[in-house]
Amino acid sequence: MTTNALLTDAQQEIHFQIMWNRLIAVVGEQARVLIRTAFSPIVRECEDISAGVFDPHGRMVAQAVTGTPGHVNSMAESVGHFLRHFPIESMKEGDAYITNDPWMGTGHLNDFVITTPAFYRGKLVALFSCTGHLMDIGGLGNGPDATDVFMEGLSIPMLKLVDQGRVNETLMAMICANTRLPVDTEGDTYSLIACNDAGVEALCSMMDEFGIETIEPLTDYIIDRSRRAVLEKIAALPKGSWSYTMTVDGYDAPLDLKAALTIAEDGVSVSYAGSPPAIKRGINVPLAYTKAYTVFGLACAISPDIPNNAGSFALYRVDAPVGSVLNAQRPAPVSSRHIIGQMLPDMVFGCLRTPLPDRVPAEGTSCLWNITVRGRWKPDDGARETQVFALAITTNGGTGARPKLDGLSATAFPSGVRGTPVEIAENQCPLIFWKKELREGSGGSGQTCGGDGQVMEIGTTNDDAFELLAAFDRVKYPPRGALGGGDGAAGIVKTSKGRSLSSKGLHIIAPDERLHLLTPGGGGLGTP
């Protein structure tokens, strides 16, 4: 099956559609390899990843349907940075490139991005890229306490990781020497390499099957078709400008986020002018991550049925003042950039509530309530020595009420990651979950109600204390209801001994006390 000038337009359309679906299956296979081979539970169990295929110009053509918007949409920009550092003509079969630069990757150091050129019969035809969250890359750890990016861990600039099939052992040794979990970190890095290799192999099989020498006509079709489809969606929308403001907890003081959204004939733009300057703690957001979640919010409301690629992204424009908390500049600390970054779909929905009230939900918990813990233990597996553990246990609050449906309880939106199973967490570290249940009634009231959060009670089986790297929000300023709906319940962080803990920062949980977490509920929609 191939593109052919003798085919009718309808036949050509069918051929392209079949190959487009097959290409999405290719990147789906790429993603499954990463998930199945990863060492970190946040990848293996929660699918905190991205995987996609790009054309030689760096345009994203297709993405795996699993993964997080923060990874996928910022990875879309990172491939362009790889091409600036490693021109196409310099790439060889068997090469692979790596970075975790927050400003050229996906927003913080814990995410490794690997890009691999795909050759077919000796010719470079595409690029595969993937991202995975690694549990520990040194420094202060994955929390917001650092005052610059240098404190947050190992930084890998744009480097060649694999040279024509030979792994850069010096670079790999440097990576392993700068983590508390060298085995996991090395294993995760190899899983990222392997998943791109699987994508290359699957693409070559696809090209053999369809009898094509290049995917360029297909990529042009996908990008052009997607762009036109989004433009049609925008053409049907009311035109104008709307604004929204949201107060979030911040670190030491609350922050007022501001957005202005404009729908015009040629696209939709969102400006965060007026948002506060970057702060001295690691909740700042690089612009690529700001764009990622803003565009995701726009796509959810305007073009949810159109696949993500360079064409469907092209008509959404995002900007934020240089040096602001939503466009932080190096060397600002950014480790917990998800706290504010994942609020941005709610900002978009707030702007769209006037022109599109039947499409957008009330505010939800939005930012993940990851329980990031660290310490030492001696597992019951015959190990002779005490070992270091470091784990991010993914948990969530309630989502905002929807126009015709209640919000979802204990569900990650907009990130989309899965919750870490209790059995996995208790196997990976000495914690024990004494309680994990829905926080009934925590969702805001309304014609449709917000989703409920969770109640968790966590202790340790160790004789030693464990560290909690808190990075929570919606504690002082809970998710707001809309159109007369009630607010969701605020989050709570405390211990069994009555200690009230701040929502951000390092806490020591003694072996004779338990951590109590109550995640927020989503806002309600409409007068009850």
Protein backbone atom coordinates (compact mmCIF):
# COMPACT_ATOMS: atom_id res chain seq x y z
CA MET A 1 0.00 0.00 0.00
CA THR A 2 1.62 3.27 -1.05
CA THR A 3 0.86 6.83 -2.06
CA ASN A 4 0.32 6.94 -5.80
CA ALA A 5 -0.64 9.71 -8.21
CA LEU A 6 -3.07 7.28 -9.90
CA LEU A 7 -5.14 6.89 -6.74
CA THR A 8 -8.28 8.94 -6.37
CA ASP A 9 -8.40 11.55 -3.65
CA ALA A 10 -10.73 9.32 -1.64
CA GLN A 11 -8.40 6.33 -1.94
CA GLN A 12 -5.40 8.46 -0.96
CA GLU A 13 -7.34 9.72 2.04
CA ILE A 14 -8.08 6.17 3.17
CA HIS A 15 -4.43 5.14 2.76
CA PHE A 16 -3.25 8.08 4.83
CA GLN A 17 -5.82 7.42 7.56
CA ILE A 18 -4.81 3.77 7.83
CA MET A 19 -1.12 4.69 8.06
CA TRP A 20 -1.89 7.43 10.59
CA ASN A 21 -3.62 4.90 12.86
CA ARG A 22 -0.73 2.51 12.40
CA LEU A 23 1.75 5.25 13.33
CA ILE A 24 -0.16 5.86 16.59
CA ALA A 25 0.12 2.11 17.24
CA VAL A 26 3.89 2.35 16.66
CA VAL A 27 4.33 5.00 19.36
CA GLY A 28 1.96 3.04 21.57
CA GLU A 29 4.32 0.07 21.31
CA GLN A 30 7.23 2.40 22.06
CA ALA A 31 5.49 3.56 25.26
CA ARG A 32 4.60 0.05 26.43
CA VAL A 33 8.25 -1.00 26.23
CA LEU A 34 9.19 1.93 28.47
CA ILE A 35 6.47 1.14 31.02
CA ARG A 36 7.24 -2.58 31.13
CA THR A 37 11.01 -2.23 31.49
CA ALA A 38 11.25 0.79 33.83
CA PHE A 39 12.65 0.42 37.34
CA SER A 40 10.93 3.45 38.91
CA PRO A 41 7.39 2.69 40.17
CA ILE A 42 6.19 6.12 39.07
CA VAL A 43 6.86 5.01 35.48
CA ARG A 44 6.11 1.31 35.77
CA GLU A 45 2.89 1.66 37.79
CA CYS A 46 1.75 5.24 37.21
CA GLU A 47 2.89 5.80 33.58
CA ASP A 48 4.55 9.17 34.22
CA ILE A 49 6.07 9.19 30.74
CA SER A 50 5.77 10.42 27.19
CA ALA A 51 6.64 8.83 23.86
CA GLY A 52 6.34 10.16 20.34
CA VAL A 53 7.62 10.24 16.78
CA PHE A 54 8.88 13.36 15.01
CA ASP A 55 9.78 14.21 11.44
CA PRO A 56 13.38 15.27 10.58
CA HIS A 57 12.33 18.92 10.98
CA GLY A 58 11.48 18.29 14.66
CA ARG A 59 7.70 18.40 14.22
CA MET A 60 5.77 15.99 16.45
CA VAL A 61 3.74 13.68 14.22
CA ALA A 62 2.17 11.29 16.72
CA GLN A 63 2.24 10.61 20.46
CA ALA A 64 1.38 7.58 22.55
CA VAL A 65 -2.05 7.90 24.14
CA THR A 66 -0.57 7.16 27.56
CA GLY A 67 1.63 9.61 29.43
CA THR A 68 1.22 13.09 30.88
CA PRO A 69 0.53 16.36 29.02
CA GLY A 70 3.42 17.99 30.86
CA HIS A 71 5.81 15.46 29.37
CA VAL A 72 4.28 15.11 25.91
CA ASN A 73 3.68 18.75 25.11
CA SER A 74 7.03 19.96 26.45
CA MET A 75 8.88 17.04 24.82
CA ALA A 76 7.46 18.40 21.57
CA GLU A 77 9.73 21.42 22.01
CA SER A 78 12.73 19.48 23.31
CA VAL A 79 13.33 17.69 19.99
CA GLY A 80 13.89 21.09 18.37
CA HIS A 81 16.60 21.77 20.96
CA PHE A 82 18.25 18.42 20.19
CA LEU A 83 18.33 19.31 16.50
CA ARG A 84 20.01 22.64 17.27
CA HIS A 85 22.78 20.83 19.13
CA PHE A 86 23.01 17.79 16.83
CA PRO A 87 22.17 18.61 13.19
CA ILE A 88 20.43 15.90 11.18
CA GLU A 89 23.42 15.45 8.87
CA SER A 90 25.64 14.55 11.86
CA MET A 91 23.37 11.74 13.11
CA LYS A 92 24.31 8.11 12.55
CA GLU A 93 22.33 4.91 12.81
CA GLY A 94 22.49 3.66 16.40
CA ASP A 95 22.93 7.11 17.97
CA ALA A 96 20.89 8.40 20.93
CA TYR A 97 20.95 11.74 22.72
CA ILE A 98 20.01 12.71 26.28
CA THR A 99 19.24 15.72 28.47
CA ASN A 100 17.37 16.59 31.63
CA ASP A 101 17.79 20.34 31.19
CA PRO A 102 14.53 21.83 32.59
CA TRP A 103 14.51 24.56 29.95
CA MET A 104 15.17 22.25 27.01
CA GLY A 105 13.42 19.17 28.39
CA THR A 106 10.25 18.78 30.38
CA GLY A 107 10.64 21.27 33.18
CA HIS A 108 12.69 19.66 35.97
CA LEU A 109 15.81 17.53 36.46
CA ASN A 110 14.01 14.30 37.38
CA ASP A 111 12.78 13.86 33.80
CA PHE A 112 15.28 12.33 31.38
CA VAL A 113 14.55 12.96 27.70
CA ILE A 114 16.15 10.70 25.10
CA THR A 115 15.91 11.25 21.34
CA THR A 116 16.93 8.63 18.77
CA PRO A 117 17.18 8.99 14.96
CA ALA A 118 15.28 6.36 12.97
CA PHE A 119 16.99 5.09 9.80
CA TYR A 120 15.28 3.08 7.09
CA ARG A 121 17.48 1.47 4.46
CA GLY A 122 20.31 3.82 5.36
CA LYS A 123 18.25 7.03 5.26
CA LEU A 124 17.13 9.04 8.28
CA VAL A 125 13.32 9.14 8.12
CA ALA A 126 12.18 10.15 11.61
CA LEU A 127 13.13 10.79 15.23
CA PHE A 128 11.76 9.00 18.28
CA SER A 129 11.73 10.73 21.64
CA CYS A 130 10.65 9.66 25.11
CA THR A 131 10.60 10.93 28.67
CA GLY A 132 10.48 9.18 32.02
CA HIS A 133 10.50 10.40 35.61
CA LEU A 134 13.46 9.06 37.57
CA MET A 135 13.06 8.72 41.32
CA ASP A 136 16.34 10.28 42.42
CA ILE A 137 19.01 12.31 40.65
CA GLY A 138 20.84 13.59 43.73
CA GLY A 139 20.75 17.05 45.25
CA LEU A 140 18.09 17.91 47.82
CA GLY A 141 15.66 15.53 46.15
CA ASN A 142 12.35 16.02 44.38
CA GLY A 143 10.96 18.72 46.65
CA PRO A 144 10.60 22.52 46.57
CA ASP A 145 13.26 23.49 49.15
CA ALA A 146 16.16 24.32 46.81
CA THR A 147 16.97 27.97 46.14
CA ASP A 148 18.50 27.36 42.71
CA VAL A 149 18.53 24.59 40.13
CA PHE A 150 22.08 23.59 41.06
CA MET A 151 20.84 22.38 44.44
CA GLU A 152 18.15 20.22 42.86
CA GLY A 153 20.38 17.48 41.49
CA LEU A 154 22.50 16.30 38.58
CA SER A 155 22.14 18.38 35.42
CA ILE A 156 22.82 16.71 32.06
CA PRO A 157 23.30 19.09 29.14
CA MET A 158 22.60 18.01 25.57
CA LEU A 159 24.92 15.00 25.18
CA LYS A 160 25.30 11.94 23.01
CA LEU A 161 24.46 8.91 25.16
CA VAL A 162 24.86 6.22 22.50
CA ASP A 163 27.31 6.49 19.59
CA GLN A 164 26.42 4.08 16.75
CA GLY A 165 25.27 1.44 19.23
CA ARG A 166 28.00 1.98 21.84
CA VAL A 167 26.85 3.42 25.17
CA ASN A 168 28.87 6.31 26.58
CA GLU A 169 30.11 4.51 29.69
CA THR A 170 31.71 7.65 31.13
CA LEU A 171 28.41 9.51 31.01
CA MET A 172 26.56 6.52 32.45
CA ALA A 173 29.07 6.32 35.31
CA MET A 174 28.55 10.02 36.03
CA ILE A 175 24.78 9.51 36.15
CA CYS A 176 25.07 6.54 38.51
CA ALA A 177 27.52 8.36 40.80
CA ASN A 178 25.07 11.22 41.38
CA THR A 179 22.02 9.39 42.68
CA ARG A 180 20.94 7.64 45.85
CA LEU A 181 19.50 4.86 43.66
CA PRO A 182 22.20 3.98 41.11
CA VAL A 183 20.70 0.64 40.04
CA ASP A 184 17.24 2.12 39.44
CA THR A 185 18.64 5.18 37.69
CA GLU A 186 20.84 3.16 35.34
CA GLY A 187 17.98 0.74 34.64
CA ASP A 188 15.56 3.58 33.87
CA THR A 189 18.06 5.16 31.48
CA TYR A 190 18.43 1.88 29.58
CA SER A 191 14.64 1.49 29.46
CA LEU A 192 14.38 4.90 27.78
CA ILE A 193 16.99 3.84 25.22
CA ALA A 194 15.18 0.55 24.61
CA CYS A 195 11.77 2.13 24.12
CA ASN A 196 13.05 4.40 21.34
CA ASP A 197 14.78 1.42 19.72
CA ALA A 198 11.45 -0.44 19.79
CA GLY A 199 9.82 2.54 18.09
CA VAL A 200 12.46 2.56 15.35
CA GLU A 201 11.98 -1.17 14.76
CA ALA A 202 8.18 -0.85 14.64
CA LEU A 203 8.38 2.07 12.21
CA CYS A 204 10.64 0.13 9.84
CA SER A 205 8.21 -2.80 9.93
CA MET A 206 5.38 -0.43 9.12
CA MET A 207 7.26 1.06 6.17
CA ASP A 208 8.01 -2.43 4.87
CA GLU A 209 4.36 -3.37 5.14
CA PHE A 210 3.10 -0.30 3.32
CA GLY A 211 5.91 -0.30 0.77
CA ILE A 212 7.01 3.30 1.40
CA GLU A 213 10.54 4.75 1.40
CA THR A 214 9.66 7.87 3.41
CA ILE A 215 6.92 9.00 5.76
CA GLU A 216 7.18 12.64 4.64
CA PRO A 217 3.91 12.68 2.65
CA LEU A 218 2.16 11.08 5.63
CA THR A 219 3.60 13.57 8.13
CA ASP A 220 2.61 16.52 5.92
CA TYR A 221 -0.91 15.08 5.68
CA ILE A 222 -1.22 14.53 9.46
CA ILE A 223 0.03 17.99 10.40
CA ASP A 224 -1.98 19.81 7.73
CA ARG A 225 -5.17 17.85 8.42
CA SER A 226 -4.90 18.38 12.17
CA ARG A 227 -4.25 22.09 11.80
CA ARG A 228 -7.25 22.54 9.53
CA ALA A 229 -9.45 20.53 11.91
CA VAL A 230 -8.52 22.75 14.87
CA LEU A 231 -9.05 25.87 12.73
CA GLU A 232 -12.57 24.66 11.95
CA LYS A 233 -13.24 24.22 15.66
CA ILE A 234 -12.00 27.74 16.40
CA ALA A 235 -14.07 29.23 13.57
CA ALA A 236 -17.23 28.05 15.33
CA LEU A 237 -16.32 29.73 18.65
CA PRO A 238 -17.39 33.20 19.81
CA LYS A 239 -14.62 35.73 19.33
CA GLY A 240 -13.30 38.00 22.06
CA SER A 241 -11.13 38.19 25.17
CA TRP A 242 -11.73 36.95 28.71
CA SER A 243 -9.62 36.86 31.86
CA TYR A 244 -9.31 34.84 35.06
CA THR A 245 -7.41 35.05 38.35
CA MET A 246 -6.57 32.26 40.77
CA THR A 247 -4.82 32.42 44.13
CA VAL A 248 -2.63 29.43 45.02
CA ASP A 249 -0.85 28.68 48.28
CA GLY A 250 2.66 29.46 47.04
CA TYR A 251 5.58 28.61 49.31
CA ASP A 252 5.88 31.28 52.01
CA ALA A 253 3.09 33.48 50.68
CA PRO A 254 0.11 33.12 48.32
CA LEU A 255 0.52 33.81 44.61
CA ASP A 256 -2.08 35.40 42.32
CA LEU A 257 -1.98 33.83 38.86
CA LYS A 258 -3.52 35.91 36.07
CA ALA A 259 -4.52 34.87 32.56
CA ALA A 260 -6.08 36.60 29.56
CA LEU A 261 -7.43 34.45 26.74
CA THR A 262 -8.28 35.70 23.25
CA ILE A 263 -10.16 33.77 20.57
CA ALA A 264 -9.49 35.16 17.10
CA GLU A 265 -10.06 33.88 13.57
CA ASP A 266 -6.47 32.65 13.26
CA GLY A 267 -6.11 30.96 16.65
CA VAL A 268 -6.35 31.17 20.41
CA SER A 269 -3.79 32.97 22.56
CA VAL A 270 -3.27 32.94 26.32
CA SER A 271 -1.16 35.52 28.13
CA TYR A 272 -0.11 35.31 31.76
CA ALA A 273 0.88 38.97 31.95
CA GLY A 274 0.47 40.24 35.49
CA SER A 275 1.40 36.93 37.12
CA PRO A 276 3.93 37.24 39.96
CA PRO A 277 7.71 37.07 39.55
CA ALA A 278 9.61 33.84 40.17
CA ILE A 279 10.22 33.02 43.82
CA LYS A 280 13.26 31.62 45.65
CA ARG A 281 11.84 28.10 46.03
CA GLY A 282 11.31 25.30 43.57
CA ILE A 283 7.71 25.81 42.47
CA ASN A 284 8.68 28.01 39.51
CA VAL A 285 7.70 26.87 36.01
CA PRO A 286 9.82 26.95 32.83
CA LEU A 287 7.89 28.31 29.84
CA ALA A 288 7.82 24.96 27.99
CA TYR A 289 5.89 23.40 30.89
CA THR A 290 3.60 26.44 31.09
CA LYS A 291 2.84 26.02 27.40
CA ALA A 292 2.34 22.27 27.79
CA TYR A 293 -0.49 22.43 30.32
CA THR A 294 -2.05 25.58 28.87
CA VAL A 295 -2.31 23.98 25.44
CA PHE A 296 -3.68 20.82 27.04
CA GLY A 297 -6.44 22.84 28.71
CA LEU A 298 -7.29 24.53 25.40
CA ALA A 299 -7.36 21.19 23.58
CA CYS A 300 -9.65 19.66 26.23
CA ALA A 301 -12.20 22.44 25.81
CA ILE A 302 -11.90 23.19 22.09
CA SER A 303 -10.52 20.19 20.18
CA PRO A 304 -10.66 17.07 22.41
CA ASP A 305 -11.16 14.68 19.50
CA ILE A 306 -8.15 15.82 17.47
CA PRO A 307 -4.84 13.96 18.08
CA ASN A 308 -1.88 15.86 19.50
CA ASN A 309 0.77 16.80 16.98
CA ALA A 310 2.55 19.84 15.62
CA GLY A 311 -0.48 20.71 13.50
CA SER A 312 -3.05 20.63 16.28
CA PHE A 313 -0.76 22.66 18.57
CA ALA A 314 0.06 25.31 15.97
CA LEU A 315 -3.03 27.48 16.51
CA TYR A 316 -2.62 27.75 20.28
CA ARG A 317 -0.21 30.47 21.43
CA VAL A 318 1.02 30.98 24.99
CA ASP A 319 3.24 33.62 26.57
CA ALA A 320 4.27 34.67 30.07
CA PRO A 321 6.50 37.52 31.24
CA VAL A 322 10.19 36.66 31.30
CA GLY A 323 11.26 36.06 34.88
CA SER A 324 7.74 35.41 36.13
CA VAL A 325 6.77 32.30 38.08
CA LEU A 326 5.35 30.94 34.80
CA ASN A 327 8.44 31.76 32.74
CA ALA A 328 11.24 31.22 35.23
CA GLN A 329 14.76 31.73 33.96
CA ARG A 330 17.88 29.72 34.76
CA PRO A 331 19.05 29.16 37.49
CA ALA A 332 15.66 29.41 39.23
CA PRO A 333 14.65 26.29 41.23
CA VAL A 334 11.96 24.33 39.38
CA SER A 335 11.88 20.84 40.93
CA SER A 336 8.18 21.05 41.91
CA ARG A 337 7.06 22.94 38.81
CA HIS A 338 4.00 20.70 38.58
CA ILE A 339 2.36 22.40 41.57
CA ILE A 340 1.62 25.60 39.66
CA GLY A 341 1.94 24.19 36.14
CA GLN A 342 -0.90 21.72 36.64
CA MET A 343 -3.21 24.56 37.75
CA LEU A 344 -3.09 26.09 34.29
CA PRO A 345 -5.91 24.09 32.67
CA ASP A 346 -8.15 25.49 35.44
CA MET A 347 -6.94 28.96 34.44
CA VAL A 348 -7.90 28.26 30.84
CA PHE A 349 -11.29 26.87 31.88
CA GLY A 350 -11.91 29.95 34.01
CA CYS A 351 -11.30 32.19 31.01
CA LEU A 352 -13.60 30.05 28.83
CA ARG A 353 -16.44 29.83 31.36
CA THR A 354 -18.18 32.91 29.93
CA PRO A 355 -18.01 32.03 26.20
CA LEU A 356 -18.23 28.23 26.65
CA PRO A 357 -20.04 27.55 29.94
CA ASP A 358 -21.27 24.12 28.82
CA ARG A 359 -17.75 22.80 28.14
CA VAL A 360 -15.62 23.55 31.18
CA PRO A 361 -15.57 22.18 34.75
CA ALA A 362 -15.13 23.95 38.06
CA GLU A 363 -11.70 24.04 39.65
CA GLY A 364 -10.28 20.75 40.86
CA THR A 365 -7.36 19.72 43.04
CA SER A 366 -5.37 19.80 39.80
CA CYS A 367 -1.82 19.48 41.16
CA LEU A 368 -0.79 15.98 42.20
CA TRP A 369 -0.45 15.20 45.89
CA ASN A 370 2.67 13.08 45.50
CA ILE A 371 3.89 11.63 48.79
CA THR A 372 7.65 11.88 48.24
CA VAL A 373 9.46 9.97 50.98
CA ARG A 374 13.06 9.09 51.71
CA GLY A 375 15.05 7.24 54.35
CA ARG A 376 16.94 4.05 55.17
CA TRP A 377 15.69 0.53 55.81
CA LYS A 378 16.64 -3.12 55.82
CA PRO A 379 14.23 -5.01 53.55
CA ASP A 380 13.00 -8.50 54.48
CA ASP A 381 14.70 -10.02 51.45
CA GLY A 382 17.89 -11.33 52.97
CA ALA A 383 19.81 -8.10 52.42
CA ARG A 384 22.70 -7.78 54.85
CA GLU A 385 23.02 -4.02 54.76
CA THR A 386 20.68 -1.14 55.37
CA GLN A 387 19.53 0.38 52.09
CA VAL A 388 18.45 3.84 50.98
CA PHE A 389 14.88 4.22 49.74
CA ALA A 390 13.38 7.13 47.81
CA LEU A 391 9.86 6.93 46.48
CA ALA A 392 7.14 9.19 45.09
CA ILE A 393 3.74 7.71 45.92
CA THR A 394 1.28 9.27 43.48
CA THR A 395 -2.01 10.34 45.02
CA ASN A 396 -4.76 12.69 43.94
CA GLY A 397 -7.71 14.76 45.11
CA GLY A 398 -11.09 15.32 43.48
CA THR A 399 -11.66 16.94 40.10
CA GLY A 400 -14.05 19.82 39.52
CA ALA A 401 -17.72 19.21 38.74
CA ARG A 402 -18.52 18.99 35.03
CA PRO A 403 -21.44 20.70 33.26
CA LYS A 404 -23.55 17.52 33.18
CA LEU A 405 -21.66 15.15 35.48
CA ASP A 406 -20.14 15.19 38.94
CA GLY A 407 -16.39 15.50 39.25
CA LEU A 408 -14.26 12.40 39.56
CA SER A 409 -13.03 11.31 42.98
CA ALA A 410 -9.35 10.64 43.71
CA THR A 411 -8.44 11.18 40.07
CA ALA A 412 -5.40 12.85 38.55
CA PHE A 413 -6.46 15.62 36.23
CA PRO A 414 -4.83 17.17 34.30
CA SER A 415 -1.74 14.99 34.72
CA GLY A 416 -3.47 11.69 33.94
CA VAL A 417 -1.04 9.55 35.95
CA ARG A 418 -2.31 6.57 37.88
CA GLY A 419 -2.24 6.31 41.65
CA THR A 420 0.56 4.19 43.10
CA PRO A 421 -0.92 0.91 44.39
CA VAL A 422 -0.54 0.54 48.15
CA GLU A 423 0.96 -2.93 47.68
CA ILE A 424 3.71 -1.51 45.48
CA ALA A 425 4.52 1.34 47.87
CA GLU A 426 4.71 -0.98 50.88
CA ASN A 427 6.98 -3.34 48.93
CA GLN A 428 9.35 -0.56 47.87
CA CYS A 429 9.85 1.07 51.27
CA PRO A 430 9.12 0.51 54.99
CA LEU A 431 5.85 2.49 54.98
CA ILE A 432 2.50 0.97 55.91
CA PHE A 433 -0.84 2.47 54.89
CA TRP A 434 -3.16 2.17 57.88
CA LYS A 435 -5.91 3.96 56.01
CA LYS A 436 -6.63 4.93 52.40
CA GLU A 437 -10.24 5.79 51.65
CA LEU A 438 -12.43 8.40 50.00
CA ARG A 439 -12.92 11.64 51.90
CA GLU A 440 -16.68 11.61 51.64
CA GLY A 441 -18.37 14.99 51.28
CA SER A 442 -15.15 16.83 50.41
CA GLY A 443 -16.39 17.70 46.92
CA GLY A 444 -18.19 21.03 46.61
CA SER A 445 -21.99 21.04 46.33
CA GLY A 446 -23.81 22.13 43.19
CA GLN A 447 -26.16 21.04 40.43
CA THR A 448 -23.22 18.74 39.79
CA CYS A 449 -20.83 18.12 42.67
CA GLY A 450 -17.07 18.13 42.85
CA GLY A 451 -15.21 14.84 43.19
CA ASP A 452 -14.06 13.70 46.61
CA GLY A 453 -10.49 13.63 47.83
CA GLN A 454 -8.85 10.91 49.91
CA VAL A 455 -7.96 10.28 53.55
CA MET A 456 -4.65 8.53 54.19
CA GLU A 457 -2.89 7.47 57.37
CA ILE A 458 0.72 6.34 56.88
CA GLY A 459 3.23 4.97 59.34
CA THR A 460 6.54 3.13 59.18
CA THR A 461 7.60 -0.39 60.08
CA ASN A 462 11.11 0.95 60.71
CA ASP A 463 12.72 2.00 63.96
CA ASP A 464 13.96 5.08 62.14
CA ALA A 465 12.12 8.24 61.12
CA PHE A 466 11.41 8.90 57.46
CA GLU A 467 11.55 12.13 55.50
CA LEU A 468 8.56 13.67 53.75
CA LEU A 469 9.42 16.10 50.96
CA ALA A 470 6.05 17.88 51.00
CA ALA A 471 4.92 19.57 47.80
CA PHE A 472 1.17 20.02 48.20
CA ASP A 473 -1.23 22.85 47.36
CA ARG A 474 -4.92 23.76 47.76
CA VAL A 475 -4.42 23.78 51.55
CA LYS A 476 -4.98 27.50 52.15
CA TYR A 477 -6.90 28.15 48.94
CA PRO A 478 -9.11 25.15 48.05
CA PRO A 479 -10.64 24.50 44.61
CA ARG A 480 -13.38 27.02 43.93
CA GLY A 481 -16.87 26.19 42.77
CA ALA A 482 -18.36 28.02 39.80
CA LEU A 483 -21.75 29.43 38.76
CA GLY A 484 -23.04 29.17 42.32
CA GLY A 485 -21.37 25.86 43.18
CA GLY A 486 -19.63 25.34 46.52
CA ASP A 487 -15.88 25.17 47.04
CA GLY A 488 -14.15 21.84 47.57
CA ALA A 489 -12.66 21.01 50.96
CA ALA A 490 -9.10 22.22 51.56
CA GLY A 491 -6.24 19.77 51.89
CA ILE A 492 -4.78 18.94 55.31
CA VAL A 493 -1.28 17.78 56.27
CA LYS A 494 -0.73 16.72 59.88
CA THR A 495 0.47 13.87 62.10
CA SER A 496 -1.18 11.57 64.60
CA LYS A 497 0.40 13.59 67.40
CA GLY A 498 -1.49 16.69 66.37
CA ARG A 499 1.39 18.38 64.56
CA SER A 500 0.15 20.55 61.71
CA LEU A 501 2.68 20.38 58.89
CA SER A 502 3.29 23.01 56.25
CA SER A 503 2.21 21.96 52.78
CA LYS A 504 5.70 22.45 51.34
CA GLY A 505 9.13 21.60 52.64
CA LEU A 506 11.04 18.82 54.39
CA HIS A 507 9.41 17.14 57.39
CA ILE A 508 10.70 14.35 59.64
CA ILE A 509 8.05 11.79 60.60
CA ALA A 510 9.05 9.94 63.76
CA PRO A 511 8.64 6.15 63.93
CA ASP A 512 6.04 6.48 66.70
CA GLU A 513 3.75 8.83 64.76
CA ARG A 514 1.73 8.57 61.60
CA LEU A 515 1.34 10.95 58.70
CA HIS A 516 -2.27 12.04 58.08
CA LEU A 517 -3.08 13.40 54.61
CA LEU A 518 -6.49 14.64 53.49
CA THR A 519 -6.44 15.59 49.81
CA PRO A 520 -8.76 18.37 48.55
CA GLY A 521 -12.17 17.92 46.96
CA GLY A 522 -13.16 19.46 43.64
CA GLY A 523 -15.38 22.52 43.31
CA GLY A 524 -19.10 22.23 42.58
CA LEU A 525 -20.84 23.64 39.51
CA GLY A 526 -24.18 25.48 39.53
CA THR A 527 -26.42 26.45 42.41
CA PRO A 528 -27.34 23.34 44.47
